[in-house]
């Protein structure tokens, strides 16, 4: 699927995988060597993430049920825990730097 930032008319990723089962959420991006430009992971439901067993930094966007960005962690390094964002319904993980123009209050759209 594709994720667009409607507020800034940007495509955040054109090859976003959905992790919406326990197994897919648990595995996440662990053990991957990286994310290519345009790739990412949409984790739902989700209020916090970790980067254990990861080899690369990621941008992390916490998203409300109405697709509004609540919080952004730029370039979250491996072996870290994020804070829990209680209002979040989902998290979008992108390659480090991919979300630099996106901030709290921006509206996202999932397409395809």
Protein backbone atom coordinates (compact mmCIF):
# COMPACT_ATOMS: atom_id res chain seq x y z
CA UNK A 1 0.00 0.00 0.00
CA UNK A 2 0.98 3.64 -0.27
CA UNK A 3 0.94 6.21 2.54
CA UNK A 4 0.52 9.89 1.70
CA UNK A 5 0.90 12.95 3.90
CA UNK A 6 -2.21 14.87 2.83
CA UNK A 7 -1.21 17.99 4.78
CA UNK A 8 2.01 18.41 2.78
CA UNK A 9 1.06 16.53 -0.41
CA UNK A 10 3.93 14.04 -0.03
CA UNK A 11 4.19 10.30 -0.58
CA UNK A 12 5.85 8.87 2.53
CA UNK A 13 6.10 5.39 1.10
CA UNK A 14 4.84 3.49 -1.92
CA UNK A 15 5.66 -0.01 -0.71
CA UNK A 16 4.29 -0.11 2.84
CA UNK A 17 3.55 -3.51 4.37
CA UNK A 18 0.79 -3.90 6.94
CA UNK A 19 1.47 -5.70 10.23
CA UNK A 20 -1.97 -6.31 11.71
CA UNK A 21 -1.63 -9.76 13.27
CA UNK A 22 0.21 -10.71 16.45
CA UNK A 23 2.95 -12.55 14.54
CA UNK A 24 3.54 -9.77 12.01
CA UNK A 25 3.57 -7.10 14.73
CA UNK A 26 5.98 -9.17 16.84
CA UNK A 27 8.43 -9.71 13.96
CA UNK A 28 8.17 -6.15 12.61
CA UNK A 29 11.46 -5.15 10.96
CA UNK A 30 13.68 -7.33 13.15
CA UNK A 31 16.54 -9.14 11.41
CA UNK A 32 16.18 -7.14 8.18
CA UNK A 33 19.28 -5.49 6.77
CA UNK A 34 17.46 -2.24 6.00
CA UNK A 35 14.57 -0.52 4.27
CA UNK A 36 14.79 0.71 0.69
CA UNK A 37 13.47 4.14 -0.26
CA UNK A 38 9.68 3.98 -0.35
CA UNK A 39 9.44 0.91 1.92
CA UNK A 40 7.94 0.87 5.39
CA UNK A 41 5.76 -0.94 7.89
CA UNK A 42 2.30 0.07 9.12
CA UNK A 43 1.72 -1.57 12.55
CA UNK A 44 -1.86 -1.69 13.81
CA UNK A 45 -2.89 -1.64 16.60
CA UNK A 46 0.21 -0.14 18.17
CA UNK A 47 1.11 2.43 20.84
CA UNK A 48 4.85 1.78 21.27
CA UNK A 49 7.70 0.05 19.44
CA UNK A 50 11.21 -1.21 20.02
CA UNK A 51 14.19 -1.55 17.70
CA UNK A 52 15.77 -4.61 19.28
CA UNK A 53 17.51 -6.96 16.82
CA UNK A 54 17.44 -4.24 14.17
CA UNK A 55 20.54 -3.13 12.26
CA UNK A 56 19.43 0.33 11.13
CA UNK A 57 17.70 3.49 12.32
CA UNK A 58 14.07 4.24 11.42
CA UNK A 59 11.67 7.17 11.52
CA UNK A 60 8.67 6.32 13.70
CA UNK A 61 5.29 8.06 13.31
CA UNK A 62 2.55 7.48 15.87
CA UNK A 63 -0.86 7.87 14.25
CA UNK A 64 -4.34 8.38 15.73
CA UNK A 65 -7.43 6.49 14.59
CA UNK A 66 -8.37 9.43 12.32
CA UNK A 67 -4.92 9.19 10.61
CA UNK A 68 -3.53 12.31 12.31
CA UNK A 69 0.17 12.16 13.24
CA UNK A 70 0.51 12.45 17.02
CA UNK A 71 4.25 12.08 17.58
CA UNK A 72 7.39 11.53 15.48
CA UNK A 73 10.70 9.96 16.48
CA UNK A 74 13.29 10.74 13.82
CA UNK A 75 16.11 8.23 13.23
CA UNK A 76 15.32 5.95 16.18
CA UNK A 77 18.49 3.89 16.69
CA UNK A 78 18.68 0.09 17.15
CA UNK A 79 18.18 -1.36 20.63
CA UNK A 80 15.81 1.37 21.87
CA UNK A 81 12.27 1.54 23.27
CA UNK A 82 9.85 4.28 22.22
CA UNK A 83 7.57 5.97 24.69
CA UNK A 84 4.00 4.71 24.79
CA UNK A 85 1.69 7.12 22.98
CA UNK A 86 -1.68 6.22 24.49
CA UNK A 87 -3.80 7.96 21.84
CA UNK A 88 -2.04 6.13 18.98
CA UNK A 89 -3.91 3.52 16.99
CA UNK A 90 -1.03 2.70 14.63
CA UNK A 91 2.66 3.28 14.01
CA UNK A 92 4.35 3.89 10.66
CA UNK A 93 8.02 2.86 10.45
CA UNK A 94 10.03 4.36 7.59
CA UNK A 95 13.70 4.57 6.59
CA UNK A 96 15.56 7.19 8.64
CA UNK A 97 15.04 10.60 7.06
CA UNK A 98 11.91 9.67 5.10
CA UNK A 99 9.57 11.48 7.50
CA UNK A 100 11.62 14.64 8.01
CA UNK A 101 8.88 16.89 6.55
CA UNK A 102 6.10 15.24 8.58
CA UNK A 103 5.06 16.42 12.02
CA UNK A 104 2.32 16.23 14.63
CA UNK A 105 -1.03 17.35 13.27
CA UNK A 106 -0.35 16.21 9.70
CA UNK A 107 -3.07 13.99 8.18
CA UNK A 108 -2.14 10.72 6.46
CA UNK A 109 -4.00 8.59 3.92
CA UNK A 110 -3.53 4.87 3.30
CA UNK A 111 -4.08 4.03 -0.35
CA UNK A 112 -4.33 0.61 -1.98
